Amino acid sequence: MKHFDREALQRLLEEGIGELDLQVSTAQRTQLMDYLALMFKWNSVYNLTSLRDPLQMVTHHLLDSLAAVPAFDGASNILDVGSGGGLPGIVLAITRPDVKVAMIDTVHKKTAFLTQVKAELGLMNATVYTMRVEQLQVSEKFDVITSRAFADLSDFVDWSGHLLAEGGRYIALKGVAPEDERQRLPAQWKVTGVQALQVPRLEAERHLVFIERQA
């Protein structure tokens, strides 16, 4: 499918949400579809994702990020590093309106897109930064820092460790569970869990890697 058939895409999204057994309101489902429409529209000019087929965008982007949402239960202030087109940051901001979600990327065209999505969808809980994460300074540190296919785990914690609150944790969205990356983690960081995800309609491995600072 190269054109945007909203009805067919909505159906695929609805089925996926049902299979994931997620509580997503009608208004949030509309926001997810509006986000997808914006991504599809901007992608032709801004190259936000290599995927051109909106059906694949539903499975590989929306459902892929939605499958991870339950892992963020209890979070109140999340940072999505290397957010790109807003995955999982925008999906988290939509489905968890009570949670603050910051997104950071170095690429101006990507953060311009995120800023546009925030405005059009009325995401009052979202913040967008354009800079390297190593340079970011905040008054309130984050209780969860996440990323999706962003960098080696050791680089991820090295670059953003100064932003993690006391007792906070990392949730990295990965494809295969990266044993070699886990072994390269600096001594003060520890993998506390690895969770396999089942993403509807996606025939590929997906894992969440949880990392915390050693006491």
C-alpha atoms as a PDB file:
ATOM      1  CA  MET A   1       0.000   0.000   0.000  1.00  0.00           C
ATOM      2  CA  LYS A   2       1.628   3.232  -1.148  1.00  0.00           C
ATOM      3  CA  HIS A   3      -1.341   5.565  -0.586  1.00  0.00           C
ATOM      4  CA  PHE A   4      -2.843   6.430   2.783  1.00  0.00           C
ATOM      5  CA  ASP A   5      -6.041   4.398   3.185  1.00  0.00           C
ATOM      6  CA  ARG A   6      -7.026   5.635   6.630  1.00  0.00           C
ATOM      7  CA  GLU A   7      -9.839   3.135   7.093  1.00  0.00           C
ATOM      8  CA  ALA A   8      -7.665   0.072   6.355  1.00  0.00           C
ATOM      9  CA  LEU A   9      -4.817   1.428   8.484  1.00  0.00           C
ATOM     10  CA  GLN A  10      -7.186   2.191  11.369  1.00  0.00           C
ATOM     11  CA  ARG A  11      -8.478  -1.383  11.193  1.00  0.00           C
ATOM     12  CA  LEU A  12      -4.944  -2.785  11.376  1.00  0.00           C
ATOM     13  CA  LEU A  13      -4.124  -0.514  14.320  1.00  0.00           C
ATOM     14  CA  GLU A  14      -7.343  -1.467  16.152  1.00  0.00           C
ATOM     15  CA  GLU A  15      -6.642  -5.189  15.685  1.00  0.00           C
ATOM     16  CA  GLY A  16      -3.092  -4.765  16.986  1.00  0.00           C
ATOM     17  CA  ILE A  17      -4.213  -2.801  20.052  1.00  0.00           C
ATOM     18  CA  GLY A  18      -6.741  -5.557  20.748  1.00  0.00           C
ATOM     19  CA  GLU A  19      -4.084  -8.267  20.504  1.00  0.00           C
ATOM     20  CA  LEU A  20      -1.785  -6.299  22.808  1.00  0.00           C
ATOM     21  CA  ASP A  21      -4.706  -5.900  25.256  1.00  0.00           C
ATOM     22  CA  LEU A  22      -3.920  -2.213  25.785  1.00  0.00           C
ATOM     23  CA  GLN A  23      -6.233   0.412  27.260  1.00  0.00           C
ATOM     24  CA  VAL A  24      -6.217   3.057  24.509  1.00  0.00           C
ATOM     25  CA  SER A  25      -9.150   5.488  24.342  1.00  0.00           C
ATOM     26  CA  THR A  26     -10.972   6.399  21.137  1.00  0.00           C
ATOM     27  CA  ALA A  27      -9.420   9.884  21.263  1.00  0.00           C
ATOM     28  CA  GLN A  28      -5.924   8.387  21.649  1.00  0.00           C
ATOM     29  CA  ARG A  29      -6.527   6.024  18.713  1.00  0.00           C
ATOM     30  CA  THR A  30      -7.470   9.057  16.607  1.00  0.00           C
ATOM     31  CA  GLN A  31      -4.279  10.827  17.732  1.00  0.00           C
ATOM     32  CA  LEU A  32      -2.195   7.773  16.769  1.00  0.00           C
ATOM     33  CA  MET A  33      -3.772   7.806  13.299  1.00  0.00           C
ATOM     34  CA  ASP A  34      -3.227  11.571  12.967  1.00  0.00           C
ATOM     35  CA  TYR A  35       0.426  11.046  13.936  1.00  0.00           C
ATOM     36  CA  LEU A  36       0.751   8.297  11.323  1.00  0.00           C
ATOM     37  CA  ALA A  37      -0.779  10.573   8.676  1.00  0.00           C
ATOM     38  CA  LEU A  38       1.704  13.329   9.537  1.00  0.00           C
ATOM     39  CA  MET A  39       4.621  10.904   9.408  1.00  0.00           C
ATOM     40  CA  PHE A  40       3.485   9.604   6.017  1.00  0.00           C
ATOM     41  CA  LYS A  41       3.104  13.160   4.677  1.00  0.00           C
ATOM     42  CA  TRP A  42       6.409  14.529   6.014  1.00  0.00           C
ATOM     43  CA  ASN A  43       8.370  11.405   5.165  1.00  0.00           C
ATOM     44  CA  SER A  44       8.436  12.117   1.426  1.00  0.00           C
ATOM     45  CA  VAL A  45      10.395  15.335   2.068  1.00  0.00           C
ATOM     46  CA  TYR A  46      12.115  14.788   5.434  1.00  0.00           C
ATOM     47  CA  ASN A  47      13.042  11.097   5.210  1.00  0.00           C
ATOM     48  CA  LEU A  48      11.967  10.363   8.798  1.00  0.00           C
ATOM     49  CA  THR A  49      11.903   6.610   8.176  1.00  0.00           C
ATOM     50  CA  SER A  50      13.089   4.266   5.433  1.00  0.00           C
ATOM     51  CA  LEU A  51       9.606   2.713   5.353  1.00  0.00           C
ATOM     52  CA  ARG A  52       7.359   4.069   2.616  1.00  0.00           C
ATOM     53  CA  ASP A  53       4.394   1.712   3.013  1.00  0.00           C
ATOM     54  CA  PRO A  54       1.906   3.033   5.624  1.00  0.00           C
ATOM     55  CA  LEU A  55       0.833  -0.537   6.470  1.00  0.00           C
ATOM     56  CA  GLN A  56       4.443  -1.256   7.504  1.00  0.00           C
ATOM     57  CA  MET A  57       4.503   2.016   9.443  1.00  0.00           C
ATOM     58  CA  VAL A  58       1.565   0.725  11.517  1.00  0.00           C
ATOM     59  CA  THR A  59       3.290  -2.575  12.398  1.00  0.00           C
ATOM     60  CA  HIS A  60       6.973  -1.537  12.519  1.00  0.00           C
ATOM     61  CA  HIS A  61       6.420   1.837  14.195  1.00  0.00           C
ATOM     62  CA  LEU A  62       3.078   2.214  15.978  1.00  0.00           C
ATOM     63  CA  LEU A  63       2.466  -1.358  17.166  1.00  0.00           C
ATOM     64  CA  ASP A  64       6.185  -1.859  17.825  1.00  0.00           C
ATOM     65  CA  SER A  65       6.190   1.129  20.192  1.00  0.00           C
ATOM     66  CA  LEU A  66       2.753   0.314  21.668  1.00  0.00           C
ATOM     67  CA  ALA A  67       3.985  -3.169  22.641  1.00  0.00           C
ATOM     68  CA  ALA A  68       6.534  -1.483  24.930  1.00  0.00           C
ATOM     69  CA  VAL A  69       4.079   0.920  26.601  1.00  0.00           C
ATOM     70  CA  PRO A  70       3.179  -1.330  29.607  1.00  0.00           C
ATOM     71  CA  ALA A  71       6.867  -1.394  30.627  1.00  0.00           C
ATOM     72  CA  PHE A  72       6.598   2.342  31.392  1.00  0.00           C
ATOM     73  CA  ASP A  73       3.909   1.903  34.068  1.00  0.00           C
ATOM     74  CA  GLY A  74       4.828   4.003  37.079  1.00  0.00           C
ATOM     75  CA  ALA A  75       7.063   6.410  35.123  1.00  0.00           C
ATOM     76  CA  SER A  76       6.392  10.120  35.584  1.00  0.00           C
ATOM     77  CA  ASN A  77       9.159  11.830  33.584  1.00  0.00           C
ATOM     78  CA  ILE A  78      10.565  10.073  30.483  1.00  0.00           C
ATOM     79  CA  LEU A  79      13.365  11.016  28.082  1.00  0.00           C
ATOM     80  CA  ASP A  80      13.445   9.456  24.597  1.00  0.00           C
ATOM     81  CA  VAL A  81      17.008   9.731  23.244  1.00  0.00           C
ATOM     82  CA  GLY A  82      17.588   9.875  19.478  1.00  0.00           C
ATOM     83  CA  SER A  83      13.841  10.146  19.064  1.00  0.00           C
ATOM     84  CA  GLY A  84      13.957  10.600  15.280  1.00  0.00           C
ATOM     85  CA  GLY A  85      10.373  10.523  14.037  1.00  0.00           C
ATOM     86  CA  GLY A  86       9.087  10.215  17.623  1.00  0.00           C
ATOM     87  CA  LEU A  87       9.332   6.521  18.410  1.00  0.00           C
ATOM     88  CA  PRO A  88       8.567   5.621  21.121  1.00  0.00           C
ATOM     89  CA  GLY A  89       8.303   9.204  22.483  1.00  0.00           C
ATOM     90  CA  ILE A  90       5.194  10.410  20.621  1.00  0.00           C
ATOM     91  CA  VAL A  91       3.412   7.082  21.181  1.00  0.00           C
ATOM     92  CA  LEU A  92       4.158   7.336  24.918  1.00  0.00           C
ATOM     93  CA  ALA A  93       3.015  10.976  25.036  1.00  0.00           C
ATOM     94  CA  ILE A  94      -0.284  10.020  23.358  1.00  0.00           C
ATOM     95  CA  THR A  95      -1.055   6.922  25.429  1.00  0.00           C
ATOM     96  CA  ARG A  96       0.219   8.318  28.752  1.00  0.00           C
ATOM     97  CA  PRO A  97      -1.061  11.928  28.883  1.00  0.00           C
ATOM     98  CA  ASP A  98      -0.378  12.033  32.658  1.00  0.00           C
ATOM     99  CA  VAL A  99       3.363  11.452  32.080  1.00  0.00           C
ATOM    100  CA  LYS A 100       5.928  14.057  30.970  1.00  0.00           C
ATOM    101  CA  VAL A 101       7.757  12.917  27.826  1.00  0.00           C
ATOM    102  CA  ALA A 102      10.851  14.704  26.500  1.00  0.00           C
ATOM    103  CA  MET A 103      12.361  13.829  23.115  1.00  0.00           C
ATOM    104  CA  ILE A 104      15.837  14.741  21.956  1.00  0.00           C
ATOM    105  CA  ASP A 105      17.522  14.461  18.560  1.00  0.00           C
ATOM    106  CA  THR A 106      20.435  16.212  16.878  1.00  0.00           C
ATOM    107  CA  VAL A 107      18.726  16.421  13.462  1.00  0.00           C
ATOM    108  CA  HIS A 108      16.799  19.700  13.058  1.00  0.00           C
ATOM    109  CA  LYS A 109      14.331  18.400  10.465  1.00  0.00           C
ATOM    110  CA  LYS A 110      13.349  15.552  12.784  1.00  0.00           C
ATOM    111  CA  THR A 111      12.781  17.828  15.780  1.00  0.00           C
ATOM    112  CA  ALA A 112      10.857  20.247  13.515  1.00  0.00           C
ATOM    113  CA  PHE A 113       8.558  17.329  12.711  1.00  0.00           C
ATOM    114  CA  LEU A 114       8.216  16.407  16.407  1.00  0.00           C
ATOM    115  CA  THR A 115       7.373  20.033  17.250  1.00  0.00           C
ATOM    116  CA  GLN A 116       4.713  20.029  14.513  1.00  0.00           C
ATOM    117  CA  VAL A 117       3.210  16.761  15.813  1.00  0.00           C
ATOM    118  CA  LYS A 118       3.157  18.168  19.350  1.00  0.00           C
ATOM    119  CA  ALA A 119       1.291  21.270  18.135  1.00  0.00           C
ATOM    120  CA  GLU A 120      -1.211  19.511  15.836  1.00  0.00           C
ATOM    121  CA  LEU A 121      -2.047  16.762  18.349  1.00  0.00           C
ATOM    122  CA  GLY A 122      -2.108  19.123  21.339  1.00  0.00           C
ATOM    123  CA  LEU A 123       0.438  17.081  23.312  1.00  0.00           C
ATOM    124  CA  MET A 124       0.878  19.378  26.307  1.00  0.00           C
ATOM    125  CA  ASN A 125       2.995  16.745  28.104  1.00  0.00           C
ATOM    126  CA  ALA A 126       5.684  16.622  25.371  1.00  0.00           C
ATOM    127  CA  THR A 127       8.952  18.591  25.157  1.00  0.00           C
ATOM    128  CA  VAL A 128      11.362  18.588  22.209  1.00  0.00           C
ATOM    129  CA  TYR A 129      15.114  19.307  22.329  1.00  0.00           C
ATOM    130  CA  THR A 130      17.476  19.735  19.372  1.00  0.00           C
ATOM    131  CA  MET A 131      20.997  18.916  20.614  1.00  0.00           C
ATOM    132  CA  ARG A 132      23.334  16.131  21.607  1.00  0.00           C
ATOM    133  CA  VAL A 133      22.114  14.345  24.724  1.00  0.00           C
ATOM    134  CA  GLU A 134      25.552  14.773  26.356  1.00  0.00           C
ATOM    135  CA  GLN A 135      24.959  18.556  26.354  1.00  0.00           C
ATOM    136  CA  LEU A 136      21.430  18.494  27.761  1.00  0.00           C
ATOM    137  CA  GLN A 137      20.992  19.890  31.271  1.00  0.00           C
ATOM    138  CA  VAL A 138      17.634  19.778  33.057  1.00  0.00           C
ATOM    139  CA  SER A 139      16.344  20.993  36.415  1.00  0.00           C
ATOM    140  CA  GLU A 140      14.371  17.791  36.979  1.00  0.00           C
ATOM    141  CA  LYS A 141      16.095  14.519  36.091  1.00  0.00           C
ATOM    142  CA  PHE A 142      14.262  11.659  34.384  1.00  0.00           C
ATOM    143  CA  ASP A 143      13.049   8.528  36.153  1.00  0.00           C
ATOM    144  CA  VAL A 144      13.105   6.606  32.858  1.00  0.00           C
ATOM    145  CA  ILE A 145      15.383   7.128  29.861  1.00  0.00           C
ATOM    146  CA  THR A 146      14.533   5.194  26.724  1.00  0.00           C
ATOM    147  CA  SER A 147      15.667   4.788  23.121  1.00  0.00           C
ATOM    148  CA  ARG A 148      14.744   2.684  20.138  1.00  0.00           C
ATOM    149  CA  ALA A 149      17.573   1.263  18.054  1.00  0.00           C
ATOM    150  CA  PHE A 150      19.654   4.302  19.022  1.00  0.00           C
ATOM    151  CA  ALA A 151      23.163   3.219  19.946  1.00  0.00           C
ATOM    152  CA  ASP A 152      25.286   0.596  21.671  1.00  0.00           C
ATOM    153  CA  LEU A 153      24.055   0.225  25.268  1.00  0.00           C
ATOM    154  CA  SER A 154      27.380   1.390  26.721  1.00  0.00           C
ATOM    155  CA  ASP A 155      27.302   4.597  24.644  1.00  0.00           C
ATOM    156  CA  PHE A 156      23.653   5.111  25.553  1.00  0.00           C
ATOM    157  CA  VAL A 157      24.336   5.101  29.310  1.00  0.00           C
ATOM    158  CA  ASP A 158      27.645   6.990  28.971  1.00  0.00           C
ATOM    159  CA  TRP A 159      26.068   9.863  27.044  1.00  0.00           C
ATOM    160  CA  SER A 160      22.906  10.225  29.135  1.00  0.00           C
ATOM    161  CA  GLY A 161      23.768   8.919  32.609  1.00  0.00           C
ATOM    162  CA  HIS A 162      23.946  12.470  34.026  1.00  0.00           C
ATOM    163  CA  LEU A 163      20.222  12.865  33.264  1.00  0.00           C
ATOM    164  CA  LEU A 164      18.951   9.787  35.130  1.00  0.00           C
ATOM    165  CA  ALA A 165      17.354  10.449  38.512  1.00  0.00           C
ATOM    166  CA  GLU A 166      18.389   8.567  41.626  1.00  0.00           C
ATOM    167  CA  GLY A 167      16.686   5.169  41.487  1.00  0.00           C
ATOM    168  CA  GLY A 168      15.751   5.671  37.832  1.00  0.00           C
ATOM    169  CA  ARG A 169      16.226   3.144  35.053  1.00  0.00           C
ATOM    170  CA  TYR A 170      16.837   2.714  31.360  1.00  0.00           C
ATOM    171  CA  ILE A 171      14.457   0.902  29.034  1.00  0.00           C
ATOM    172  CA  ALA A 172      16.160   0.251  25.694  1.00  0.00           C
ATOM    173  CA  LEU A 173      14.044  -1.002  22.782  1.00  0.00           C
ATOM    174  CA  LYS A 174      16.149  -3.455  20.810  1.00  0.00           C
ATOM    175  CA  GLY A 175      15.731  -6.085  18.105  1.00  0.00           C
ATOM    176  CA  VAL A 176      17.635  -9.171  19.196  1.00  0.00           C
ATOM    177  CA  ALA A 177      18.704  -9.282  22.846  1.00  0.00           C
ATOM    178  CA  PRO A 178      22.255  -7.887  22.555  1.00  0.00           C
ATOM    179  CA  GLU A 179      24.443 -10.111  24.746  1.00  0.00           C
ATOM    180  CA  ASP A 180      27.721  -8.534  23.532  1.00  0.00           C
ATOM    181  CA  GLU A 181      26.439  -5.006  24.242  1.00  0.00           C
ATOM    182  CA  ARG A 182      25.338  -6.033  27.717  1.00  0.00           C
ATOM    183  CA  GLN A 183      28.830  -7.306  28.499  1.00  0.00           C
ATOM    184  CA  ARG A 184      30.391  -4.011  27.384  1.00  0.00           C
ATOM    185  CA  LEU A 185      28.383  -1.947  29.867  1.00  0.00           C
ATOM    186  CA  PRO A 186      30.525   0.159  32.251  1.00  0.00           C
ATOM    187  CA  ALA A 187      30.946  -1.373  35.722  1.00  0.00           C
ATOM    188  CA  GLN A 188      28.515   0.997  37.448  1.00  0.00           C
ATOM    189  CA  TRP A 189      25.599  -0.155  35.263  1.00  0.00           C
ATOM    190  CA  LYS A 190      23.741  -3.449  35.497  1.00  0.00           C
ATOM    191  CA  VAL A 191      21.173  -5.147  33.259  1.00  0.00           C
ATOM    192  CA  THR A 192      18.277  -5.952  35.585  1.00  0.00           C
ATOM    193  CA  GLY A 193      16.076  -7.656  33.013  1.00  0.00           C
ATOM    194  CA  VAL A 194      15.458  -8.527  29.369  1.00  0.00           C
ATOM    195  CA  GLN A 195      11.887  -8.904  28.142  1.00  0.00           C
ATOM    196  CA  ALA A 196      10.849 -10.355  24.771  1.00  0.00           C
ATOM    197  CA  LEU A 197       7.993  -8.507  23.059  1.00  0.00           C
ATOM    198  CA  GLN A 198       5.388  -9.990  20.758  1.00  0.00           C
ATOM    199  CA  VAL A 199       4.427  -7.350  18.223  1.00  0.00           C
ATOM    200  CA  PRO A 200       1.269  -8.186  16.230  1.00  0.00           C
ATOM    201  CA  ARG A 201       1.956  -8.795  12.487  1.00  0.00           C
ATOM    202  CA  LEU A 202       5.707  -8.314  12.972  1.00  0.00           C
ATOM    203  CA  GLU A 203       7.842 -11.357  12.167  1.00  0.00           C
ATOM    204  CA  ALA A 204      10.965 -10.116  13.919  1.00  0.00           C
ATOM    205  CA  GLU A 205      12.565 -10.301  17.347  1.00  0.00           C
ATOM    206  CA  ARG A 206      11.924  -7.409  19.707  1.00  0.00           C
ATOM    207  CA  HIS A 207      13.311  -7.044  23.231  1.00  0.00           C
ATOM    208  CA  LEU A 208      13.321  -4.533  26.043  1.00  0.00           C
ATOM    209  CA  VAL A 209      16.568  -4.220  28.014  1.00  0.00           C
ATOM    210  CA  PHE A 210      16.284  -2.758  31.531  1.00  0.00           C
ATOM    211  CA  ILE A 211      19.406  -1.156  33.027  1.00  0.00           C
ATOM    212  CA  GLU A 212      19.966   0.414  36.431  1.00  0.00           C
ATOM    213  CA  ARG A 213      22.871   2.071  38.229  1.00  0.00           C
ATOM    214  CA  GLN A 214      24.657  -0.257  40.659  1.00  0.00           C
ATOM    215  CA  ALA A 215      24.199   0.702  44.301  1.00  0.00           C
END
